[in-house]
């Protein structure tokens, strides 16, 4: 009786080992690398997210930082914030901007099939910011500027965990602002105005730092 029980336990262990081995060697439907990659990502073995900074905003002395995370099947969600607070009281010069952007992005094309967060992409984005800009003349101050648009771009691998992300967005932006004149050490209010713009509303040349398990580029730009 004891021998039968031991034999049954050994059979169960052997069956479990066989199932584990089969699951490790599983071939996903379709059999190509892109679909295997997507299935592996969906199963939670890999994770894809990134930190980024838009070098165009940095060049305009507006430091910014964003984050992007994959939500599967070539889709990502992103959010970023910016902050600049430069002033020179002696000559009444101000450069104050802060706000943020949010977007949902879809990657497509051959590169995107190799690994998430590379290749061609299109996105829908929303923007909100405030500003106070005055350079010794008429000042413009806004506490409510917002917009939305669509962007096309391309994310190019340049290192093991680095990409350059290029993009141009076209959309709608509306600004509610006040104008003022600096006089005798004071800021004299002039008028309250609204401005609407339809056209290019976003430019991007972003340095992207890839993070997460498996989120690396090979020398040819694909995943190792």
C-alpha atoms as a PDB file:
ATOM      1  CA  UNK A   1       0.000   0.000   0.000  1.00  0.00           C
ATOM      2  CA  UNK A   2       2.850   2.369   0.922  1.00  0.00           C
ATOM      3  CA  UNK A   3       4.680   1.493  -2.286  1.00  0.00           C
ATOM      4  CA  UNK A   4       1.586   2.310  -4.371  1.00  0.00           C
ATOM      5  CA  UNK A   5       1.239   5.678  -2.649  1.00  0.00           C
ATOM      6  CA  UNK A   6       4.914   6.513  -3.265  1.00  0.00           C
ATOM      7  CA  UNK A   7       4.563   5.518  -6.904  1.00  0.00           C
ATOM      8  CA  UNK A   8       1.532   7.737  -7.313  1.00  0.00           C
ATOM      9  CA  UNK A   9       3.399  10.702  -5.808  1.00  0.00           C
ATOM     10  CA  UNK A  10       6.366  10.120  -8.127  1.00  0.00           C
ATOM     11  CA  UNK A  11       4.032  10.001 -11.151  1.00  0.00           C
ATOM     12  CA  UNK A  12       2.442  13.291 -10.078  1.00  0.00           C
ATOM     13  CA  UNK A  13       5.844  14.959  -9.704  1.00  0.00           C
ATOM     14  CA  UNK A  14       6.969  13.716 -13.108  1.00  0.00           C
ATOM     15  CA  UNK A  15       3.760  14.979 -14.698  1.00  0.00           C
ATOM     16  CA  UNK A  16       4.228  18.428 -13.093  1.00  0.00           C
ATOM     17  CA  UNK A  17       7.856  18.642 -14.310  1.00  0.00           C
ATOM     18  CA  UNK A  18       6.727  17.764 -17.829  1.00  0.00           C
ATOM     19  CA  UNK A  19       4.061  20.489 -17.756  1.00  0.00           C
ATOM     20  CA  UNK A  20       6.584  23.072 -16.514  1.00  0.00           C
ATOM     21  CA  UNK A  21       9.033  22.145 -19.267  1.00  0.00           C
ATOM     22  CA  UNK A  22       6.296  22.366 -21.899  1.00  0.00           C
ATOM     23  CA  UNK A  23       5.244  25.811 -20.703  1.00  0.00           C
ATOM     24  CA  UNK A  24       8.845  27.049 -20.958  1.00  0.00           C
ATOM     25  CA  UNK A  25       9.087  25.785 -24.538  1.00  0.00           C
ATOM     26  CA  UNK A  26       5.643  27.066 -25.550  1.00  0.00           C
ATOM     27  CA  UNK A  27       5.405  28.485 -29.078  1.00  0.00           C
ATOM     28  CA  UNK A  28       2.838  31.259 -29.386  1.00  0.00           C
ATOM     29  CA  UNK A  29       0.436  31.304 -32.344  1.00  0.00           C
ATOM     30  CA  UNK A  30       2.079  32.750 -35.432  1.00  0.00           C
ATOM     31  CA  UNK A  31       5.549  31.722 -34.364  1.00  0.00           C
ATOM     32  CA  UNK A  32       7.372  34.938 -35.322  1.00  0.00           C
ATOM     33  CA  UNK A  33       9.581  37.022 -33.046  1.00  0.00           C
ATOM     34  CA  UNK A  34       7.221  39.996 -32.867  1.00  0.00           C
ATOM     35  CA  UNK A  35       4.248  37.934 -31.703  1.00  0.00           C
ATOM     36  CA  UNK A  36       6.396  35.989 -29.239  1.00  0.00           C
ATOM     37  CA  UNK A  37       7.644  39.312 -27.882  1.00  0.00           C
ATOM     38  CA  UNK A  38       4.113  40.658 -27.500  1.00  0.00           C
ATOM     39  CA  UNK A  39       2.973  37.466 -25.783  1.00  0.00           C
ATOM     40  CA  UNK A  40       5.944  37.576 -23.415  1.00  0.00           C
ATOM     41  CA  UNK A  41       5.154  41.186 -22.576  1.00  0.00           C
ATOM     42  CA  UNK A  42       1.487  40.347 -21.975  1.00  0.00           C
ATOM     43  CA  UNK A  43       2.502  37.539 -19.622  1.00  0.00           C
ATOM     44  CA  UNK A  44       4.398  40.019 -17.463  1.00  0.00           C
ATOM     45  CA  UNK A  45       7.942  38.725 -18.007  1.00  0.00           C
ATOM     46  CA  UNK A  46       9.088  42.024 -19.536  1.00  0.00           C
ATOM     47  CA  UNK A  47       8.226  45.629 -18.695  1.00  0.00           C
ATOM     48  CA  UNK A  48       8.654  48.727 -20.839  1.00  0.00           C
ATOM     49  CA  UNK A  49       8.762  52.296 -19.592  1.00  0.00           C
ATOM     50  CA  UNK A  50      11.017  55.313 -20.064  1.00  0.00           C
ATOM     51  CA  UNK A  51      12.060  58.732 -18.788  1.00  0.00           C
ATOM     52  CA  UNK A  52      12.484  61.507 -21.341  1.00  0.00           C
ATOM     53  CA  UNK A  53      13.311  65.187 -21.753  1.00  0.00           C
ATOM     54  CA  UNK A  54      12.415  67.351 -24.754  1.00  0.00           C
ATOM     55  CA  UNK A  55      15.686  68.947 -25.862  1.00  0.00           C
ATOM     56  CA  UNK A  56      13.833  71.723 -27.742  1.00  0.00           C
ATOM     57  CA  UNK A  57      12.223  72.915 -24.495  1.00  0.00           C
ATOM     58  CA  UNK A  58      15.570  72.595 -22.709  1.00  0.00           C
ATOM     59  CA  UNK A  59      17.166  74.816 -25.356  1.00  0.00           C
ATOM     60  CA  UNK A  60      14.517  77.470 -24.593  1.00  0.00           C
ATOM     61  CA  UNK A  61      15.523  77.296 -20.891  1.00  0.00           C
ATOM     62  CA  UNK A  62      12.386  75.373 -19.948  1.00  0.00           C
ATOM     63  CA  UNK A  63      13.527  72.257 -18.023  1.00  0.00           C
ATOM     64  CA  UNK A  64      11.133  69.352 -18.462  1.00  0.00           C
ATOM     65  CA  UNK A  65      10.780  65.678 -17.620  1.00  0.00           C
ATOM     66  CA  UNK A  66       8.352  63.035 -18.880  1.00  0.00           C
ATOM     67  CA  UNK A  67       7.507  59.388 -18.367  1.00  0.00           C
ATOM     68  CA  UNK A  68       6.118  56.870 -20.846  1.00  0.00           C
ATOM     69  CA  UNK A  69       4.827  53.370 -20.138  1.00  0.00           C
ATOM     70  CA  UNK A  70       3.688  50.562 -22.412  1.00  0.00           C
ATOM     71  CA  UNK A  71       0.125  49.294 -22.078  1.00  0.00           C
ATOM     72  CA  UNK A  72       0.510  46.531 -24.672  1.00  0.00           C
ATOM     73  CA  UNK A  73       0.030  45.914 -28.413  1.00  0.00           C
ATOM     74  CA  UNK A  74       2.145  48.928 -29.388  1.00  0.00           C
ATOM     75  CA  UNK A  75       0.205  51.416 -27.237  1.00  0.00           C
ATOM     76  CA  UNK A  76       1.779  53.663 -24.585  1.00  0.00           C
ATOM     77  CA  UNK A  77       0.647  56.335 -22.141  1.00  0.00           C
ATOM     78  CA  UNK A  78       2.800  59.361 -21.387  1.00  0.00           C
ATOM     79  CA  UNK A  79       2.863  62.426 -19.156  1.00  0.00           C
ATOM     80  CA  UNK A  80       5.361  65.259 -18.760  1.00  0.00           C
ATOM     81  CA  UNK A  81       5.843  68.460 -16.801  1.00  0.00           C
ATOM     82  CA  UNK A  82       7.843  71.644 -17.376  1.00  0.00           C
ATOM     83  CA  UNK A  83       8.989  74.466 -15.108  1.00  0.00           C
ATOM     84  CA  UNK A  84      10.951  77.668 -15.781  1.00  0.00           C
ATOM     85  CA  UNK A  85      11.132  80.614 -13.401  1.00  0.00           C
ATOM     86  CA  UNK A  86      13.796  83.070 -14.549  1.00  0.00           C
ATOM     87  CA  UNK A  87      13.712  86.771 -13.674  1.00  0.00           C
ATOM     88  CA  UNK A  88      15.927  89.868 -13.709  1.00  0.00           C
ATOM     89  CA  UNK A  89      14.202  92.531 -11.659  1.00  0.00           C
ATOM     90  CA  UNK A  90      16.598  95.366 -12.532  1.00  0.00           C
ATOM     91  CA  UNK A  91      15.420  95.383 -16.144  1.00  0.00           C
ATOM     92  CA  UNK A  92      11.939  93.916 -15.579  1.00  0.00           C
ATOM     93  CA  UNK A  93      12.632  90.684 -17.432  1.00  0.00           C
ATOM     94  CA  UNK A  94      10.585  87.590 -16.657  1.00  0.00           C
ATOM     95  CA  UNK A  95      10.468  84.122 -18.137  1.00  0.00           C
ATOM     96  CA  UNK A  96       8.001  82.041 -16.158  1.00  0.00           C
ATOM     97  CA  UNK A  97       6.416  78.942 -17.656  1.00  0.00           C
ATOM     98  CA  UNK A  98       4.999  75.854 -16.008  1.00  0.00           C
ATOM     99  CA  UNK A  99       2.544  73.198 -17.107  1.00  0.00           C
ATOM    100  CA  UNK A 100       2.301  69.717 -18.516  1.00  0.00           C
ATOM    101  CA  UNK A 101       1.237  67.382 -21.315  1.00  0.00           C
ATOM    102  CA  UNK A 102      -0.458  63.998 -21.515  1.00  0.00           C
ATOM    103  CA  UNK A 103      -0.646  61.673 -24.506  1.00  0.00           C
ATOM    104  CA  UNK A 104      -1.673  58.270 -25.755  1.00  0.00           C
ATOM    105  CA  UNK A 105       0.609  56.881 -28.456  1.00  0.00           C
ATOM    106  CA  UNK A 106       0.533  54.045 -30.988  1.00  0.00           C
ATOM    107  CA  UNK A 107       3.773  52.630 -32.438  1.00  0.00           C
ATOM    108  CA  UNK A 108       3.723  50.883 -35.822  1.00  0.00           C
ATOM    109  CA  UNK A 109       6.011  49.610 -38.569  1.00  0.00           C
ATOM    110  CA  UNK A 110       8.845  47.082 -38.688  1.00  0.00           C
ATOM    111  CA  UNK A 111      10.839  48.517 -35.782  1.00  0.00           C
ATOM    112  CA  UNK A 112       7.775  48.644 -33.555  1.00  0.00           C
ATOM    113  CA  UNK A 113       7.216  44.921 -34.179  1.00  0.00           C
ATOM    114  CA  UNK A 114      10.730  44.136 -32.938  1.00  0.00           C
ATOM    115  CA  UNK A 115      10.274  45.860 -29.569  1.00  0.00           C
ATOM    116  CA  UNK A 116       7.935  48.447 -27.986  1.00  0.00           C
ATOM    117  CA  UNK A 117       8.860  52.159 -27.906  1.00  0.00           C
ATOM    118  CA  UNK A 118      10.701  52.402 -31.202  1.00  0.00           C
ATOM    119  CA  UNK A 119       9.861  53.143 -34.815  1.00  0.00           C
ATOM    120  CA  UNK A 120       7.039  55.222 -36.270  1.00  0.00           C
ATOM    121  CA  UNK A 121       4.288  56.501 -33.994  1.00  0.00           C
ATOM    122  CA  UNK A 122       1.193  58.682 -33.929  1.00  0.00           C
ATOM    123  CA  UNK A 123      -0.319  60.154 -30.793  1.00  0.00           C
ATOM    124  CA  UNK A 124      -3.137  62.245 -29.386  1.00  0.00           C
ATOM    125  CA  UNK A 125      -2.028  64.772 -26.772  1.00  0.00           C
ATOM    126  CA  UNK A 126      -3.402  67.418 -24.443  1.00  0.00           C
ATOM    127  CA  UNK A 127      -1.558  70.449 -23.048  1.00  0.00           C
ATOM    128  CA  UNK A 128      -1.995  72.873 -20.170  1.00  0.00           C
ATOM    129  CA  UNK A 129       0.339  75.666 -19.075  1.00  0.00           C
ATOM    130  CA  UNK A 130       0.638  79.109 -17.551  1.00  0.00           C
ATOM    131  CA  UNK A 131       3.198  81.751 -18.458  1.00  0.00           C
ATOM    132  CA  UNK A 132       4.451  85.250 -17.677  1.00  0.00           C
ATOM    133  CA  UNK A 133       6.828  86.558 -20.347  1.00  0.00           C
ATOM    134  CA  UNK A 134       8.204  90.090 -20.382  1.00  0.00           C
ATOM    135  CA  UNK A 135      11.479  91.234 -21.922  1.00  0.00           C
ATOM    136  CA  UNK A 136      11.651  94.898 -20.985  1.00  0.00           C
ATOM    137  CA  UNK A 137       8.547  95.794 -22.983  1.00  0.00           C
ATOM    138  CA  UNK A 138       4.919  94.698 -22.948  1.00  0.00           C
ATOM    139  CA  UNK A 139       4.369  91.686 -20.719  1.00  0.00           C
ATOM    140  CA  UNK A 140       2.021  88.767 -21.371  1.00  0.00           C
ATOM    141  CA  UNK A 141       0.649  86.792 -18.465  1.00  0.00           C
ATOM    142  CA  UNK A 142      -1.621  83.762 -18.758  1.00  0.00           C
ATOM    143  CA  UNK A 143      -3.064  81.613 -16.003  1.00  0.00           C
ATOM    144  CA  UNK A 144      -5.036  79.410 -18.401  1.00  0.00           C
ATOM    145  CA  UNK A 145      -3.648  78.142 -21.690  1.00  0.00           C
ATOM    146  CA  UNK A 146      -4.686  74.748 -22.999  1.00  0.00           C
ATOM    147  CA  UNK A 147      -4.775  72.760 -26.205  1.00  0.00           C
ATOM    148  CA  UNK A 148      -4.921  69.377 -27.919  1.00  0.00           C
ATOM    149  CA  UNK A 149      -3.606  67.857 -31.110  1.00  0.00           C
ATOM    150  CA  UNK A 150      -2.170  64.922 -33.046  1.00  0.00           C
ATOM    151  CA  UNK A 151       1.513  64.166 -33.487  1.00  0.00           C
ATOM    152  CA  UNK A 152       3.502  62.034 -35.925  1.00  0.00           C
ATOM    153  CA  UNK A 153       7.025  60.987 -35.027  1.00  0.00           C
ATOM    154  CA  UNK A 154       9.801  58.437 -35.108  1.00  0.00           C
ATOM    155  CA  UNK A 155      11.772  56.986 -32.198  1.00  0.00           C
ATOM    156  CA  UNK A 156      15.341  56.079 -33.147  1.00  0.00           C
ATOM    157  CA  UNK A 157      17.533  53.779 -30.987  1.00  0.00           C
ATOM    158  CA  UNK A 158      20.974  55.346 -30.385  1.00  0.00           C
ATOM    159  CA  UNK A 159      22.273  53.200 -27.526  1.00  0.00           C
ATOM    160  CA  UNK A 160      21.556  50.171 -25.401  1.00  0.00           C
ATOM    161  CA  UNK A 161      19.048  52.123 -23.294  1.00  0.00           C
ATOM    162  CA  UNK A 162      18.802  55.403 -25.201  1.00  0.00           C
ATOM    163  CA  UNK A 163      16.496  56.624 -27.992  1.00  0.00           C
ATOM    164  CA  UNK A 164      16.057  59.914 -29.816  1.00  0.00           C
ATOM    165  CA  UNK A 165      12.381  60.680 -30.328  1.00  0.00           C
ATOM    166  CA  UNK A 166      11.432  63.113 -33.126  1.00  0.00           C
ATOM    167  CA  UNK A 167       7.916  64.467 -33.528  1.00  0.00           C
ATOM    168  CA  UNK A 168       5.735  67.283 -34.837  1.00  0.00           C
ATOM    169  CA  UNK A 169       2.224  67.942 -33.587  1.00  0.00           C
ATOM    170  CA  UNK A 170      -0.608  69.915 -35.154  1.00  0.00           C
ATOM    171  CA  UNK A 171      -3.703  70.957 -33.239  1.00  0.00           C
ATOM    172  CA  UNK A 172      -5.615  73.637 -31.390  1.00  0.00           C
ATOM    173  CA  UNK A 173      -4.488  75.912 -28.562  1.00  0.00           C
ATOM    174  CA  UNK A 174      -6.389  78.612 -26.686  1.00  0.00           C
ATOM    175  CA  UNK A 175      -4.836  81.202 -24.363  1.00  0.00           C
ATOM    176  CA  UNK A 176      -6.563  83.560 -21.934  1.00  0.00           C
ATOM    177  CA  UNK A 177      -3.999  86.253 -20.987  1.00  0.00           C
ATOM    178  CA  UNK A 178      -3.405  89.788 -19.740  1.00  0.00           C
ATOM    179  CA  UNK A 179      -1.026  92.396 -21.122  1.00  0.00           C
ATOM    180  CA  UNK A 180       0.852  94.868 -18.927  1.00  0.00           C
ATOM    181  CA  UNK A 181       3.580  97.518 -19.111  1.00  0.00           C
ATOM    182  CA  UNK A 182       6.477  97.827 -16.647  1.00  0.00           C
ATOM    183  CA  UNK A 183       6.538 101.496 -15.530  1.00  0.00           C
ATOM    184  CA  UNK A 184       8.319 103.151 -12.588  1.00  0.00           C
ATOM    185  CA  UNK A 185       8.979  99.830 -10.895  1.00  0.00           C
ATOM    186  CA  UNK A 186       5.355  98.710 -11.250  1.00  0.00           C
ATOM    187  CA  UNK A 187       3.428  96.563 -13.695  1.00  0.00           C
ATOM    188  CA  UNK A 188       0.536  98.490 -15.195  1.00  0.00           C
ATOM    189  CA  UNK A 189      -2.373  96.356 -16.430  1.00  0.00           C
ATOM    190  CA  UNK A 190      -3.539  97.099 -19.966  1.00  0.00           C
ATOM    191  CA  UNK A 191      -6.042  94.535 -21.267  1.00  0.00           C
ATOM    192  CA  UNK A 192      -7.401  91.006 -21.026  1.00  0.00           C
ATOM    193  CA  UNK A 193      -7.392  89.059 -24.255  1.00  0.00           C
ATOM    194  CA  UNK A 194      -8.040  85.642 -25.764  1.00  0.00           C
ATOM    195  CA  UNK A 195      -6.006  84.037 -28.513  1.00  0.00           C
ATOM    196  CA  UNK A 196      -6.787  80.905 -30.508  1.00  0.00           C
ATOM    197  CA  UNK A 197      -4.261  79.115 -32.688  1.00  0.00           C
ATOM    198  CA  UNK A 198      -4.737  76.222 -35.117  1.00  0.00           C
ATOM    199  CA  UNK A 199      -1.543  74.817 -36.580  1.00  0.00           C
ATOM    200  CA  UNK A 200       1.731  73.401 -35.194  1.00  0.00           C
ATOM    201  CA  UNK A 201       1.434  73.277 -31.416  1.00  0.00           C
ATOM    202  CA  UNK A 202       4.172  70.833 -30.468  1.00  0.00           C
ATOM    203  CA  UNK A 203       7.734  70.053 -31.539  1.00  0.00           C
ATOM    204  CA  UNK A 204       9.774  67.237 -30.080  1.00  0.00           C
ATOM    205  CA  UNK A 205      13.380  66.101 -30.128  1.00  0.00           C
ATOM    206  CA  UNK A 206      13.470  64.059 -26.949  1.00  0.00           C
ATOM    207  CA  UNK A 207      16.271  62.123 -25.333  1.00  0.00           C
ATOM    208  CA  UNK A 208      14.685  58.908 -24.026  1.00  0.00           C
ATOM    209  CA  UNK A 209      16.131  56.687 -21.289  1.00  0.00           C
ATOM    210  CA  UNK A 210      14.655  53.198 -21.580  1.00  0.00           C
ATOM    211  CA  UNK A 211      13.838  51.443 -18.319  1.00  0.00           C
ATOM    212  CA  UNK A 212      12.358  48.104 -17.350  1.00  0.00           C
ATOM    213  CA  UNK A 213      13.139  44.424 -17.718  1.00  0.00           C
ATOM    214  CA  UNK A 214      13.975  43.570 -21.345  1.00  0.00           C
ATOM    215  CA  UNK A 215      13.695  47.175 -22.531  1.00  0.00           C
ATOM    216  CA  UNK A 216      17.084  47.373 -24.277  1.00  0.00           C
ATOM    217  CA  UNK A 217      18.308  47.960 -27.830  1.00  0.00           C
ATOM    218  CA  UNK A 218      20.836  45.906 -29.744  1.00  0.00           C
ATOM    219  CA  UNK A 219      23.503  47.536 -31.935  1.00  0.00           C
ATOM    220  CA  UNK A 220      21.083  47.301 -34.856  1.00  0.00           C
ATOM    221  CA  UNK A 221      18.254  48.874 -32.862  1.00  0.00           C
ATOM    222  CA  UNK A 222      16.339  45.688 -31.976  1.00  0.00           C
ATOM    223  CA  UNK A 223      15.962  43.892 -28.706  1.00  0.00           C
ATOM    224  CA  UNK A 224      18.810  41.598 -27.580  1.00  0.00           C
END
